[in-house]
Amino acid sequence: MLRALHEWMVDSGHTPHLLIDAASEAVVVPREYVADGRIVLNVSPTAVRNLTITNDTLSFDGRFSGQAFEVSAPTSSVMAIYAKETGEGMMFNEDAQAPADSPTPADVRTSGEAPKTSRSPTLKLVT
């Protein structure tokens, strides 16, 4: 499901973001970008390289503040996927809520700094 939603968002010209529960030691992300045990990751094709989504794990190469980092996480740690532009997506956990005060601190880019925005993502259930 996660892979299909990601592909649909990319095909629709949207920027897919993942809300990850970073509390598990199996989640490998730069810890300085984790807020309240969660991290928001931009997983668009222009932001990451070598994105792999399997039934059990997701992984990719990205940049955080210009520093390369290999991200990996079990798919069970994915709390939600949503399109940045519309906020539409799917929650995989009833407690999933995008952090209201962290619009892009963990925005992954392949080059340069993460853009600063003032709009916080919201989640909307797509049925």
PDB file of N, CA and C in Angstrom:
ATOM      1  N   MET A   1       0.821  -1.193   0.000  1.00  0.00           N
ATOM      2  CA  MET A   1       0.000   0.000   0.000  1.00  0.00           C
ATOM      3  C   MET A   1       0.870   1.264   0.000  1.00  0.00           C
ATOM      4  N   LEU A   2       1.896   1.256   0.822  1.00  0.00           N
ATOM      5  CA  LEU A   2       2.786   2.419   0.924  1.00  0.00           C
ATOM      6  C   LEU A   2       3.427   2.733  -0.418  1.00  0.00           C
ATOM      7  N   ARG A   3       3.933   1.715  -1.080  1.00  0.00           N
ATOM      8  CA  ARG A   3       4.578   1.888  -2.383  1.00  0.00           C
ATOM      9  C   ARG A   3       3.588   2.427  -3.407  1.00  0.00           C
ATOM     10  N   ALA A   4       2.372   1.905  -3.416  1.00  0.00           N
ATOM     11  CA  ALA A   4       1.348   2.341  -4.370  1.00  0.00           C
ATOM     12  C   ALA A   4       0.956   3.797  -4.129  1.00  0.00           C
ATOM     13  N   LEU A   5       0.802   4.189  -2.876  1.00  0.00           N
ATOM     14  CA  LEU A   5       0.458   5.586  -2.573  1.00  0.00           C
ATOM     15  C   LEU A   5       1.589   6.523  -2.974  1.00  0.00           C
ATOM     16  N   HIS A   6       2.815   6.106  -2.726  1.00  0.00           N
ATOM     17  CA  HIS A   6       3.967   6.916  -3.121  1.00  0.00           C
ATOM     18  C   HIS A   6       3.968   7.132  -4.633  1.00  0.00           C
ATOM     19  N   GLU A   7       3.802   6.054  -5.385  1.00  0.00           N
ATOM     20  CA  GLU A   7       3.793   6.152  -6.850  1.00  0.00           C
ATOM     21  C   GLU A   7       2.638   7.018  -7.348  1.00  0.00           C
ATOM     22  N   TRP A   8       1.470   6.886  -6.742  1.00  0.00           N
ATOM     23  CA  TRP A   8       0.320   7.691  -7.138  1.00  0.00           C
ATOM     24  C   TRP A   8       0.594   9.174  -6.911  1.00  0.00           C
ATOM     25  N   MET A   9       1.173   9.519  -5.777  1.00  0.00           N
ATOM     26  CA  MET A   9       1.473  10.922  -5.484  1.00  0.00           C
ATOM     27  C   MET A   9       2.495  11.480  -6.475  1.00  0.00           C
ATOM     28  N   VAL A  10       3.533  10.718  -6.752  1.00  0.00           N
ATOM     29  CA  VAL A  10       4.563  11.161  -7.706  1.00  0.00           C
ATOM     30  C   VAL A  10       3.948  11.321  -9.095  1.00  0.00           C
ATOM     31  N   ASP A  11       3.156  10.342  -9.535  1.00  0.00           N
ATOM     32  CA  ASP A  11       2.508  10.416 -10.847  1.00  0.00           C
ATOM     33  C   ASP A  11       1.550  11.598 -10.949  1.00  0.00           C
ATOM     34  N   SER A  12       0.990  12.014  -9.811  1.00  0.00           N
ATOM     35  CA  SER A  12       0.057  13.143  -9.777  1.00  0.00           C
ATOM     36  C   SER A  12       0.772  14.482  -9.650  1.00  0.00           C
ATOM     37  N   GLY A  13       2.100  14.456  -9.593  1.00  0.00           N
ATOM     38  CA  GLY A  13       2.866  15.694  -9.493  1.00  0.00           C
ATOM     39  C   GLY A  13       2.951  16.251  -8.088  1.00  0.00           C
ATOM     40  N   HIS A  14       2.682  15.423  -7.088  1.00  0.00           N
ATOM     41  CA  HIS A  14       2.726  15.864  -5.693  1.00  0.00           C
ATOM     42  C   HIS A  14       4.024  15.415  -5.033  1.00  0.00           C
ATOM     43  N   THR A  15       4.308  15.982  -3.887  1.00  0.00           N
ATOM     44  CA  THR A  15       5.515  15.683  -3.129  1.00  0.00           C
ATOM     45  C   THR A  15       5.152  14.787  -1.950  1.00  0.00           C
ATOM     46  N   PRO A  16       5.489  13.491  -2.021  1.00  0.00           N
ATOM     47  CA  PRO A  16       5.136  12.597  -0.917  1.00  0.00           C
ATOM     48  C   PRO A  16       6.027  12.805   0.306  1.00  0.00           C
ATOM     49  N   HIS A  17       5.389  12.870   1.453  1.00  0.00           N
ATOM     50  CA  HIS A  17       6.082  12.968   2.734  1.00  0.00           C
ATOM     51  C   HIS A  17       5.656  11.793   3.598  1.00  0.00           C
ATOM     52  N   LEU A  18       6.595  11.294   4.390  1.00  0.00           N
ATOM     53  CA  LEU A  18       6.312  10.211   5.330  1.00  0.00           C
ATOM     54  C   LEU A  18       6.445  10.734   6.747  1.00  0.00           C
ATOM     55  N   LEU A  19       5.528  10.316   7.601  1.00  0.00           N
ATOM     56  CA  LEU A  19       5.635  10.558   9.032  1.00  0.00           C
ATOM     57  C   LEU A  19       6.088   9.238   9.637  1.00  0.00           C
ATOM     58  N   ILE A  20       7.259   9.247  10.258  1.00  0.00           N
ATOM     59  CA  ILE A  20       7.880   8.033  10.777  1.00  0.00           C
ATOM     60  C   ILE A  20       7.958   8.092  12.300  1.00  0.00           C
ATOM     61  N   ASP A  21       7.615   6.986  12.952  1.00  0.00           N
ATOM     62  CA  ASP A  21       7.827   6.835  14.386  1.00  0.00           C
ATOM     63  C   ASP A  21       9.294   6.469  14.564  1.00  0.00           C
ATOM     64  N   ALA A  22      10.073   7.413  15.043  1.00  0.00           N
ATOM     65  CA  ALA A  22      11.526   7.229  15.127  1.00  0.00           C
ATOM     66  C   ALA A  22      11.976   6.682  16.474  1.00  0.00           C
ATOM     67  N   ALA A  23      11.046   6.227  17.306  1.00  0.00           N
ATOM     68  CA  ALA A  23      11.396   5.734  18.636  1.00  0.00           C
ATOM     69  C   ALA A  23      12.177   4.429  18.589  1.00  0.00           C
ATOM     70  N   SER A  24      11.942   3.612  17.592  1.00  0.00           N
ATOM     71  CA  SER A  24      12.601   2.314  17.485  1.00  0.00           C
ATOM     72  C   SER A  24      14.069   2.472  17.097  1.00  0.00           C
ATOM     73  N   GLU A  25      14.921   1.616  17.654  1.00  0.00           N
ATOM     74  CA  GLU A  25      16.336   1.626  17.283  1.00  0.00           C
ATOM     75  C   GLU A  25      16.538   1.126  15.857  1.00  0.00           C
ATOM     76  N   ALA A  26      15.535   0.449  15.293  1.00  0.00           N
ATOM     77  CA  ALA A  26      15.619  -0.045  13.916  1.00  0.00           C
ATOM     78  C   ALA A  26      15.477   1.087  12.900  1.00  0.00           C
ATOM     79  N   VAL A  27      15.000   2.237  13.343  1.00  0.00           N
ATOM     80  CA  VAL A  27      14.848   3.408  12.468  1.00  0.00           C
ATOM     81  C   VAL A  27      16.177   4.161  12.453  1.00  0.00           C
ATOM     82  N   VAL A  28      16.772   4.246  11.259  1.00  0.00           N
ATOM     83  CA  VAL A  28      18.064   4.917  11.109  1.00  0.00           C
ATOM     84  C   VAL A  28      17.831   6.232  10.379  1.00  0.00           C
ATOM     85  N   VAL A  29      17.798   7.318  11.140  1.00  0.00           N
ATOM     86  CA  VAL A  29      17.609   8.675  10.627  1.00  0.00           C
ATOM     87  C   VAL A  29      18.513   9.594  11.439  1.00  0.00           C
ATOM     88  N   PRO A  30      18.827  10.779  10.927  1.00  0.00           N
ATOM     89  CA  PRO A  30      19.610  11.718  11.740  1.00  0.00           C
ATOM     90  C   PRO A  30      18.770  12.158  12.947  1.00  0.00           C
ATOM     91  N   ARG A  31      19.186  11.788  14.115  1.00  0.00           N
ATOM     92  CA  ARG A  31      18.399  12.007  15.336  1.00  0.00           C
ATOM     93  C   ARG A  31      18.171  13.482  15.655  1.00  0.00           C
ATOM     94  N   GLU A  32      19.025  14.362  15.151  1.00  0.00           N
ATOM     95  CA  GLU A  32      18.834  15.787  15.442  1.00  0.00           C
ATOM     96  C   GLU A  32      17.585  16.358  14.767  1.00  0.00           C
ATOM     97  N   TYR A  33      16.993  15.616  13.827  1.00  0.00           N
ATOM     98  CA  TYR A  33      15.784  16.065  13.150  1.00  0.00           C
ATOM     99  C   TYR A  33      14.526  15.404  13.708  1.00  0.00           C
ATOM    100  N   VAL A  34      14.669  14.578  14.710  1.00  0.00           N
ATOM    101  CA  VAL A  34      13.534  13.908  15.332  1.00  0.00           C
ATOM    102  C   VAL A  34      12.916  14.847  16.358  1.00  0.00           C
ATOM    103  N   ALA A  35      11.600  15.002  16.297  1.00  0.00           N
ATOM    104  CA  ALA A  35      10.861  15.829  17.254  1.00  0.00           C
ATOM    105  C   ALA A  35       9.709  14.998  17.809  1.00  0.00           C
ATOM    106  N   ASP A  36       9.619  14.939  19.117  1.00  0.00           N
ATOM    107  CA  ASP A  36       8.562  14.174  19.785  1.00  0.00           C
ATOM    108  C   ASP A  36       8.547  12.717  19.331  1.00  0.00           C
ATOM    109  N   GLY A  37       9.718  12.171  19.044  1.00  0.00           N
ATOM    110  CA  GLY A  37       9.824  10.777  18.650  1.00  0.00           C
ATOM    111  C   GLY A  37       9.389  10.496  17.221  1.00  0.00           C
ATOM    112  N   ARG A  38       9.199  11.557  16.437  1.00  0.00           N
ATOM    113  CA  ARG A  38       8.749  11.415  15.052  1.00  0.00           C
ATOM    114  C   ARG A  38       9.625  12.242  14.126  1.00  0.00           C
ATOM    115  N   ILE A  39       9.610  11.854  12.851  1.00  0.00           N
ATOM    116  CA  ILE A  39      10.343  12.607  11.841  1.00  0.00           C
ATOM    117  C   ILE A  39       9.517  12.627  10.565  1.00  0.00           C
ATOM    118  N   VAL A  40       9.524  13.760   9.880  1.00  0.00           N
ATOM    119  CA  VAL A  40       8.839  13.907   8.601  1.00  0.00           C
ATOM    120  C   VAL A  40       9.901  13.906   7.509  1.00  0.00           C
ATOM    121  N   LEU A  41       9.714  13.041   6.514  1.00  0.00           N
ATOM    122  CA  LEU A  41      10.694  12.904   5.443  1.00  0.00           C
ATOM    123  C   LEU A  41      10.064  13.146   4.081  1.00  0.00           C
ATOM    124  N   ASN A  42      10.683  13.991   3.287  1.00  0.00           N
ATOM    125  CA  ASN A  42      10.290  14.212   1.896  1.00  0.00           C
ATOM    126  C   ASN A  42      10.904  13.070   1.094  1.00  0.00           C
ATOM    127  N   VAL A  43      10.069  12.246   0.478  1.00  0.00           N
ATOM    128  CA  VAL A  43      10.578  11.102  -0.289  1.00  0.00           C
ATOM    129  C   VAL A  43      10.241  11.223  -1.770  1.00  0.00           C
ATOM    130  N   SER A  44      10.254  12.442  -2.276  1.00  0.00           N
ATOM    131  CA  SER A  44      10.023  12.651  -3.707  1.00  0.00           C
ATOM    132  C   SER A  44      11.274  12.236  -4.480  1.00  0.00           C
ATOM    133  N   PRO A  45      11.123  11.905  -5.762  1.00  0.00           N
ATOM    134  CA  PRO A  45      12.282  11.497  -6.568  1.00  0.00           C
ATOM    135  C   PRO A  45      13.363  12.570  -6.672  1.00  0.00           C
ATOM    136  N   THR A  46      13.004  13.838  -6.553  1.00  0.00           N
ATOM    137  CA  THR A  46      14.016  14.897  -6.620  1.00  0.00           C
ATOM    138  C   THR A  46      14.713  15.105  -5.286  1.00  0.00           C
ATOM    139  N   ALA A  47      14.190  14.513  -4.218  1.00  0.00           N
ATOM    140  CA  ALA A  47      14.754  14.719  -2.890  1.00  0.00           C
ATOM    141  C   ALA A  47      15.601  13.551  -2.400  1.00  0.00           C
ATOM    142  N   VAL A  48      15.364  12.363  -2.926  1.00  0.00           N
ATOM    143  CA  VAL A  48      16.095  11.188  -2.452  1.00  0.00           C
ATOM    144  C   VAL A  48      16.638  10.388  -3.622  1.00  0.00           C
ATOM    145  N   ARG A  49      17.572   9.518  -3.317  1.00  0.00           N
ATOM    146  CA  ARG A  49      18.124   8.600  -4.319  1.00  0.00           C
ATOM    147  C   ARG A  49      18.002   7.181  -3.792  1.00  0.00           C
ATOM    148  N   ASN A  50      17.881   6.254  -4.730  1.00  0.00           N
ATOM    149  CA  ASN A  50      17.841   4.828  -4.403  1.00  0.00           C
ATOM    150  C   ASN A  50      16.722   4.471  -3.428  1.00  0.00           C
ATOM    151  N   LEU A  51      15.553   5.084  -3.599  1.00  0.00           N
ATOM    152  CA  LEU A  51      14.418   4.763  -2.737  1.00  0.00           C
ATOM    153  C   LEU A  51      13.978   3.325  -2.992  1.00  0.00           C
ATOM    154  N   THR A  52      13.911   2.561  -1.929  1.00  0.00           N
ATOM    155  CA  THR A  52      13.444   1.186  -1.991  1.00  0.00           C
ATOM    156  C   THR A  52      12.364   1.011  -0.942  1.00  0.00           C
ATOM    157  N   ILE A  53      11.188   0.572  -1.385  1.00  0.00           N
ATOM    158  CA  ILE A  53      10.093   0.287  -0.461  1.00  0.00           C
ATOM    159  C   ILE A  53       9.698  -1.166  -0.670  1.00  0.00           C
ATOM    160  N   THR A  54       9.932  -1.987   0.345  1.00  0.00           N
ATOM    161  CA  THR A  54       9.531  -3.387   0.293  1.00  0.00           C
ATOM    162  C   THR A  54       8.411  -3.596   1.310  1.00  0.00           C
ATOM    163  N   ASN A  55       7.962  -4.823   1.440  1.00  0.00           N
ATOM    164  CA  ASN A  55       6.924  -5.109   2.428  1.00  0.00           C
ATOM    165  C   ASN A  55       7.418  -4.910   3.854  1.00  0.00           C
ATOM    166  N   ASP A  56       8.728  -5.007   4.057  1.00  0.00           N
ATOM    167  CA  ASP A  56       9.276  -4.935   5.412  1.00  0.00           C
ATOM    168  C   ASP A  56      10.059  -3.671   5.732  1.00  0.00           C
ATOM    169  N   THR A  57      10.710  -3.081   4.729  1.00  0.00           N
ATOM    170  CA  THR A  57      11.574  -1.933   5.002  1.00  0.00           C
ATOM    171  C   THR A  57      11.481  -0.876   3.909  1.00  0.00           C
ATOM    172  N   LEU A  58      11.923   0.306   4.272  1.00  0.00           N
ATOM    173  CA  LEU A  58      12.129   1.361   3.280  1.00  0.00           C
ATOM    174  C   LEU A  58      13.511   1.922   3.534  1.00  0.00           C
ATOM    175  N   SER A  59      14.163   2.321   2.448  1.00  0.00           N
ATOM    176  CA  SER A  59      15.495   2.894   2.579  1.00  0.00           C
ATOM    177  C   SER A  59      15.759   3.830   1.415  1.00  0.00           C
ATOM    178  N   PHE A  60      16.641   4.780   1.645  1.00  0.00           N
ATOM    179  CA  PHE A  60      17.051   5.709   0.595  1.00  0.00           C
ATOM    180  C   PHE A  60      18.273   6.478   1.053  1.00  0.00           C
ATOM    181  N   ASP A  61      18.913   7.131   0.095  1.00  0.00           N
ATOM    182  CA  ASP A  61      20.023   8.037   0.370  1.00  0.00           C
ATOM    183  C   ASP A  61      19.480   9.451   0.254  1.00  0.00           C
ATOM    184  N   GLY A  62      19.778  10.276   1.235  1.00  0.00           N
ATOM    185  CA  GLY A  62      19.310  11.651   1.207  1.00  0.00           C
ATOM    186  C   GLY A  62      20.333  12.590   1.814  1.00  0.00           C
ATOM    187  N   ARG A  63      19.966  13.843   1.860  1.00  0.00           N
ATOM    188  CA  ARG A  63      20.842  14.861   2.448  1.00  0.00           C
ATOM    189  C   ARG A  63      20.055  15.646   3.481  1.00  0.00           C
ATOM    190  N   PHE A  64      20.695  15.877   4.590  1.00  0.00           N
ATOM    191  CA  PHE A  64      20.133  16.684   5.664  1.00  0.00           C
ATOM    192  C   PHE A  64      21.114  17.813   5.903  1.00  0.00           C
ATOM    193  N   SER A  65      20.688  19.035   5.625  1.00  0.00           N
ATOM    194  CA  SER A  65      21.558  20.216   5.747  1.00  0.00           C
ATOM    195  C   SER A  65      22.879  20.008   5.011  1.00  0.00           C
ATOM    196  N   GLY A  66      22.796  19.402   3.832  1.00  0.00           N
ATOM    197  CA  GLY A  66      23.957  19.208   2.986  1.00  0.00           C
ATOM    198  C   GLY A  66      24.786  17.978   3.291  1.00  0.00           C
ATOM    199  N   GLN A  67      24.472  17.252   4.343  1.00  0.00           N
ATOM    200  CA  GLN A  67      25.229  16.072   4.727  1.00  0.00           C
ATOM    201  C   GLN A  67      24.527  14.802   4.246  1.00  0.00           C
ATOM    202  N   ALA A  68      25.251  13.945   3.543  1.00  0.00           N
ATOM    203  CA  ALA A  68      24.682  12.687   3.054  1.00  0.00           C
ATOM    204  C   ALA A  68      24.345  11.783   4.230  1.00  0.00           C
ATOM    205  N   PHE A  69      23.229  11.049   4.074  1.00  0.00           N
ATOM    206  CA  PHE A  69      22.795  10.145   5.134  1.00  0.00           C
ATOM    207  C   PHE A  69      21.995   9.011   4.516  1.00  0.00           C
ATOM    208  N   GLU A  70      22.276   7.788   4.928  1.00  0.00           N
ATOM    209  CA  GLU A  70      21.513   6.631   4.486  1.00  0.00           C
ATOM    210  C   GLU A  70      20.397   6.378   5.494  1.00  0.00           C
ATOM    211  N   VAL A  71      19.155   6.537   5.044  1.00  0.00           N
ATOM    212  CA  VAL A  71      17.984   6.381   5.899  1.00  0.00           C
ATOM    213  C   VAL A  71      17.412   4.989   5.691  1.00  0.00           C
ATOM    214  N   SER A  72      17.009   4.357   6.775  1.00  0.00           N
ATOM    215  CA  SER A  72      16.293   3.090   6.663  1.00  0.00           C
ATOM    216  C   SER A  72      15.349   2.958   7.850  1.00  0.00           C
ATOM    217  N   ALA A  73      14.241   2.263   7.607  1.00  0.00           N
ATOM    218  CA  ALA A  73      13.246   2.067   8.653  1.00  0.00           C
ATOM    219  C   ALA A  73      12.355   0.895   8.293  1.00  0.00           C
ATOM    220  N   PRO A  74      11.865   0.185   9.288  1.00  0.00           N
ATOM    221  CA  PRO A  74      10.873  -0.843   8.988  1.00  0.00           C
ATOM    222  C   PRO A  74       9.587  -0.161   8.525  1.00  0.00           C
ATOM    223  N   THR A  75       8.882  -0.761   7.592  1.00  0.00           N
ATOM    224  CA  THR A  75       7.637  -0.139   7.124  1.00  0.00           C
ATOM    225  C   THR A  75       6.614  -0.047   8.252  1.00  0.00           C
ATOM    226  N   SER A  76       6.738  -0.872   9.259  1.00  0.00           N
ATOM    227  CA  SER A  76       5.819  -0.796  10.400  1.00  0.00           C
ATOM    228  C   SER A  76       5.988   0.505  11.182  1.00  0.00           C
ATOM    229  N   SER A  77       7.100   1.211  11.001  1.00  0.00           N
ATOM    230  CA  SER A  77       7.312   2.489  11.684  1.00  0.00           C
ATOM    231  C   SER A  77       6.697   3.665  10.927  1.00  0.00           C
ATOM    232  N   VAL A  78       6.216   3.430   9.702  1.00  0.00           N
ATOM    233  CA  VAL A  78       5.581   4.499   8.930  1.00  0.00           C
ATOM    234  C   VAL A  78       4.189   4.746   9.503  1.00  0.00           C
ATOM    235  N   MET A  79       3.983   5.948   9.997  1.00  0.00           N
ATOM    236  CA  MET A  79       2.703   6.294  10.603  1.00  0.00           C
ATOM    237  C   MET A  79       1.726   6.856   9.579  1.00  0.00           C
ATOM    238  N   ALA A  80       2.266   7.529   8.551  1.00  0.00           N
ATOM    239  CA  ALA A  80       1.406   8.141   7.540  1.00  0.00           C
ATOM    240  C   ALA A  80       2.223   8.511   6.319  1.00  0.00           C
ATOM    241  N   ILE A  81       1.530   8.622   5.187  1.00  0.00           N
ATOM    242  CA  ILE A  81       2.085   9.178   3.958  1.00  0.00           C
ATOM    243  C   ILE A  81       1.077  10.209   3.467  1.00  0.00           C
ATOM    244  N   TYR A  82       1.569  11.373   3.051  1.00  0.00           N
ATOM    245  CA  TYR A  82       0.670  12.416   2.578  1.00  0.00           C
ATOM    246  C   TYR A  82       1.370  13.284   1.541  1.00  0.00           C
ATOM    247  N   ALA A  83       0.562  13.943   0.710  1.00  0.00           N
ATOM    248  CA  ALA A  83       1.086  14.870  -0.293  1.00  0.00           C
ATOM    249  C   ALA A  83       1.265  16.237   0.365  1.00  0.00           C
ATOM    250  N   LYS A  84       2.449  16.793   0.245  1.00  0.00           N
ATOM    251  CA  LYS A  84       2.742  18.090   0.862  1.00  0.00           C
ATOM    252  C   LYS A  84       1.787  19.177   0.374  1.00  0.00           C
ATOM    253  N   GLU A  85       1.469  19.149  -0.911  1.00  0.00           N
ATOM    254  CA  GLU A  85       0.661  20.212  -1.508  1.00  0.00           C
ATOM    255  C   GLU A  85      -0.795  20.206  -1.037  1.00  0.00           C
ATOM    256  N   THR A  86      -1.349  19.028  -0.792  1.00  0.00           N
ATOM    257  CA  THR A  86      -2.776  18.936  -0.460  1.00  0.00           C
ATOM    258  C   THR A  86      -3.049  18.445   0.950  1.00  0.00           C
ATOM    259  N   GLY A  87      -2.065  17.792   1.565  1.00  0.00           N
ATOM    260  CA  GLY A  87      -2.286  17.202   2.878  1.00  0.00           C
ATOM    261  C   GLY A  87      -3.046  15.888   2.818  1.00  0.00           C
ATOM    262  N   GLU A  88      -3.418  15.474   1.620  1.00  0.00           N
ATOM    263  CA  GLU A  88      -4.156  14.224   1.472  1.00  0.00           C
ATOM    264  C   GLU A  88      -3.208  13.047   1.515  1.00  0.00           C
ATOM    265  N   GLY A  89      -3.659  11.958   2.116  1.00  0.00           N
ATOM    266  CA  GLY A  89      -2.841  10.772   2.215  1.00  0.00           C
ATOM    267  C   GLY A  89      -3.527   9.712   3.033  1.00  0.00           C
ATOM    268  N   MET A  90      -2.720   8.901   3.691  1.00  0.00           N
ATOM    269  CA  MET A  90      -3.271   7.811   4.490  1.00  0.00           C
ATOM    270  C   MET A  90      -2.498   7.674   5.783  1.00  0.00           C
ATOM    271  N   MET A  91      -3.244   7.502   6.878  1.00  0.00           N
ATOM    272  CA  MET A  91      -2.645   7.211   8.170  1.00  0.00           C
ATOM    273  C   MET A  91      -2.634   5.701   8.346  1.00  0.00           C
ATOM    274  N   PHE A  92      -1.528   5.180   8.839  1.00  0.00           N
ATOM    275  CA  PHE A  92      -1.413   3.756   9.105  1.00  0.00           C
ATOM    276  C   PHE A  92      -1.513   3.472  10.592  1.00  0.00           C
ATOM    277  N   ASN A  93      -1.649   4.531  11.369  1.00  0.00           N
ATOM    278  CA  ASN A  93      -1.718   4.433  12.815  1.00  0.00           C
ATOM    279  C   ASN A  93      -2.704   5.492  13.274  1.00  0.00           C
ATOM    280  N   GLU A  94      -3.666   5.130  14.099  1.00  0.00           N
ATOM    281  CA  GLU A  94      -4.688   6.091  14.534  1.00  0.00           C
ATOM    282  C   GLU A  94      -4.100   7.279  15.274  1.00  0.00           C
ATOM    283  N   ASP A  95      -2.929   7.121  15.883  1.00  0.00           N
ATOM    284  CA  ASP A  95      -2.302   8.208  16.638  1.00  0.00           C
ATOM    285  C   ASP A  95      -1.453   9.117  15.762  1.00  0.00           C
ATOM    286  N   ALA A  96      -1.392   8.842  14.462  1.00  0.00           N
ATOM    287  CA  ALA A  96      -0.520   9.606  13.568  1.00  0.00           C
ATOM    288  C   ALA A  96      -1.053  11.014  13.365  1.00  0.00           C
ATOM    289  N   GLN A  97      -0.221  11.977  13.659  1.00  0.00           N
ATOM    290  CA  GLN A  97      -0.510  13.380  13.390  1.00  0.00           C
ATOM    291  C   GLN A  97       0.803  14.034  13.020  1.00  0.00           C
ATOM    292  N   ALA A  98       0.810  14.763  11.926  1.00  0.00           N
ATOM    293  CA  ALA A  98       2.031  15.461  11.536  1.00  0.00           C
ATOM    294  C   ALA A  98       2.347  16.517  12.581  1.00  0.00           C
ATOM    295  N   PRO A  99       3.588  16.646  12.979  1.00  0.00           N
ATOM    296  CA  PRO A  99       3.945  17.659  13.960  1.00  0.00           C
ATOM    297  C   PRO A  99       3.599  19.048  13.445  1.00  0.00           C
ATOM    298  N   ALA A 100       2.785  19.765  14.176  1.00  0.00           N
ATOM    299  CA  ALA A 100       2.315  21.081  13.737  1.00  0.00           C
ATOM    300  C   ALA A 100       3.429  22.105  13.668  1.00  0.00           C
ATOM    301  N   ASP A 101       4.446  21.953  14.496  1.00  0.00           N
ATOM    302  CA  ASP A 101       5.504  22.957  14.536  1.00  0.00           C
ATOM    303  C   ASP A 101       6.747  22.562  13.749  1.00  0.00           C
ATOM    304  N   SER A 102       6.654  21.524  12.917  1.00  0.00           N
ATOM    305  CA  SER A 102       7.837  21.128  12.151  1.00  0.00           C
ATOM    306  C   SER A 102       7.516  20.959  10.674  1.00  0.00           C
ATOM    307  N   PRO A 103       7.314  22.082   9.956  1.00  0.00           N
ATOM    308  CA  PRO A 103       6.943  21.981   8.554  1.00  0.00           C
ATOM    309  C   PRO A 103       7.986  21.322   7.681  1.00  0.00           C
ATOM    310  N   THR A 104       9.275  21.594   7.900  1.00  0.00           N
ATOM    311  CA  THR A 104      10.301  20.990   7.048  1.00  0.00           C
ATOM    312  C   THR A 104      11.639  20.723   7.732  1.00  0.00           C
ATOM    313  N   PRO A 105      11.727  20.541   9.024  1.00  0.00           N
ATOM    314  CA  PRO A 105      13.057  20.388   9.597  1.00  0.00           C
ATOM    315  C   PRO A 105      13.767  19.153   9.097  1.00  0.00           C
ATOM    316  N   ALA A 106      13.033  18.153   8.649  1.00  0.00           N
ATOM    317  CA  ALA A 106      13.649  16.922   8.169  1.00  0.00           C
ATOM    318  C   ALA A 106      13.411  16.743   6.681  1.00  0.00           C
ATOM    319  N   ASP A 107      13.175  17.825   5.991  1.00  0.00           N
ATOM    320  CA  ASP A 107      12.949  17.774   4.554  1.00  0.00           C
ATOM    321  C   ASP A 107      14.237  17.322   3.887  1.00  0.00           C
ATOM    322  N   VAL A 108      14.205  16.194   3.228  1.00  0.00           N
ATOM    323  CA  VAL A 108      15.404  15.615   2.637  1.00  0.00           C
ATOM    324  C   VAL A 108      15.582  16.175   1.235  1.00  0.00           C
ATOM    325  N   ARG A 109      16.781  16.628   0.921  1.00  0.00           N
ATOM    326  CA  ARG A 109      17.087  17.178  -0.395  1.00  0.00           C
ATOM    327  C   ARG A 109      18.338  16.520  -0.937  1.00  0.00           C
ATOM    328  N   THR A 110      18.423  16.385  -2.253  1.00  0.00           N
ATOM    329  CA  THR A 110      19.635  15.829  -2.846  1.00  0.00           C
ATOM    330  C   THR A 110      20.712  16.886  -2.983  1.00  0.00           C
ATOM    331  N   SER A 111      20.353  18.160  -2.907  1.00  0.00           N
ATOM    332  CA  SER A 111      21.359  19.207  -2.944  1.00  0.00           C
ATOM    333  C   SER A 111      20.827  20.441  -2.246  1.00  0.00           C
ATOM    334  N   GLY A 112      21.711  21.176  -1.609  1.00  0.00           N
ATOM    335  CA  GLY A 112      21.337  22.428  -0.984  1.00  0.00           C
ATOM    336  C   GLY A 112      20.602  22.248   0.327  1.00  0.00           C
ATOM    337  N   GLU A 113      20.178  23.357   0.860  1.00  0.00           N
ATOM    338  CA  GLU A 113      19.464  23.378   2.124  1.00  0.00           C
ATOM    339  C   GLU A 113      17.989  23.089   1.930  1.00  0.00           C
ATOM    340  N   ALA A 114      17.351  22.604   2.957  1.00  0.00           N
ATOM    341  CA  ALA A 114      15.912  22.385   2.924  1.00  0.00           C
ATOM    342  C   ALA A 114      15.213  23.741   2.881  1.00  0.00           C
ATOM    343  N   PRO A 115      14.200  23.890   2.028  1.00  0.00           N
ATOM    344  CA  PRO A 115      13.500  25.164   1.974  1.00  0.00           C
ATOM    345  C   PRO A 115      12.700  25.404   3.243  1.00  0.00           C
ATOM    346  N   LYS A 116      12.580  26.631   3.635  1.00  0.00           N
ATOM    347  CA  LYS A 116      11.806  26.983   4.820  1.00  0.00           C
ATOM    348  C   LYS A 116      10.402  27.391   4.384  1.00  0.00           C
ATOM    349  N   THR A 117       9.406  26.794   5.016  1.00  0.00           N
ATOM    350  CA  THR A 117       8.025  27.159   4.736  1.00  0.00           C
ATOM    351  C   THR A 117       7.316  27.401   6.048  1.00  0.00           C
ATOM    352  N   SER A 118       6.202  28.088   5.996  1.00  0.00           N
ATOM    353  CA  SER A 118       5.455  28.355   7.209  1.00  0.00           C
ATOM    354  C   SER A 118       4.192  27.513   7.289  1.00  0.00           C
ATOM    355  N   ARG A 119       3.895  26.740   6.247  1.00  0.00           N
ATOM    356  CA  ARG A 119       2.690  25.928   6.231  1.00  0.00           C
ATOM    357  C   ARG A 119       2.963  24.552   6.819  1.00  0.00           C
ATOM    358  N   SER A 120       2.209  24.179   7.834  1.00  0.00           N
ATOM    359  CA  SER A 120       2.354  22.865   8.430  1.00  0.00           C
ATOM    360  C   SER A 120       1.487  21.869   7.693  1.00  0.00           C
ATOM    361  N   PRO A 121       1.986  20.648   7.509  1.00  0.00           N
ATOM    362  CA  PRO A 121       1.180  19.642   6.821  1.00  0.00           C
ATOM    363  C   PRO A 121       0.018  19.195   7.689  1.00  0.00           C
ATOM    364  N   THR A 122      -1.041  18.805   7.042  1.00  0.00           N
ATOM    365  CA  THR A 122      -2.178  18.212   7.729  1.00  0.00           C
ATOM    366  C   THR A 122      -2.488  16.887   7.062  1.00  0.00           C
ATOM    367  N   LEU A 123      -3.120  16.017   7.783  1.00  0.00           N
ATOM    368  CA  LEU A 123      -3.462  14.716   7.231  1.00  0.00           C
ATOM    369  C   LEU A 123      -4.958  14.641   6.995  1.00  0.00           C
ATOM    370  N   LYS A 124      -5.332  14.123   5.857  1.00  0.00           N
ATOM    371  CA  LYS A 124      -6.731  13.939   5.515  1.00  0.00           C
ATOM    372  C   LYS A 124      -6.892  12.502   5.042  1.00  0.00           C
ATOM    373  N   LEU A 125      -7.864  11.802   5.569  1.00  0.00           N
ATOM    374  CA  LEU A 125      -8.100  10.426   5.187  1.00  0.00           C
ATOM    375  C   LEU A 125      -8.694  10.359   3.788  1.00  0.00           C
ATOM    376  N   VAL A 126      -8.033   9.610   2.906  1.00  0.00           N
ATOM    377  CA  VAL A 126      -8.512   9.433   1.541  1.00  0.00           C
ATOM    378  C   VAL A 126      -9.173   8.070   1.476  1.00  0.00           C
ATOM    379  N   THR A 127     -10.416   8.034   1.060  1.00  0.00           N
ATOM    380  CA  THR A 127     -11.119   6.743   0.986  1.00  0.00           C
ATOM    381  C   THR A 127     -11.439   6.382  -0.427  1.00  0.00           C
TER     382      THR A 127
END
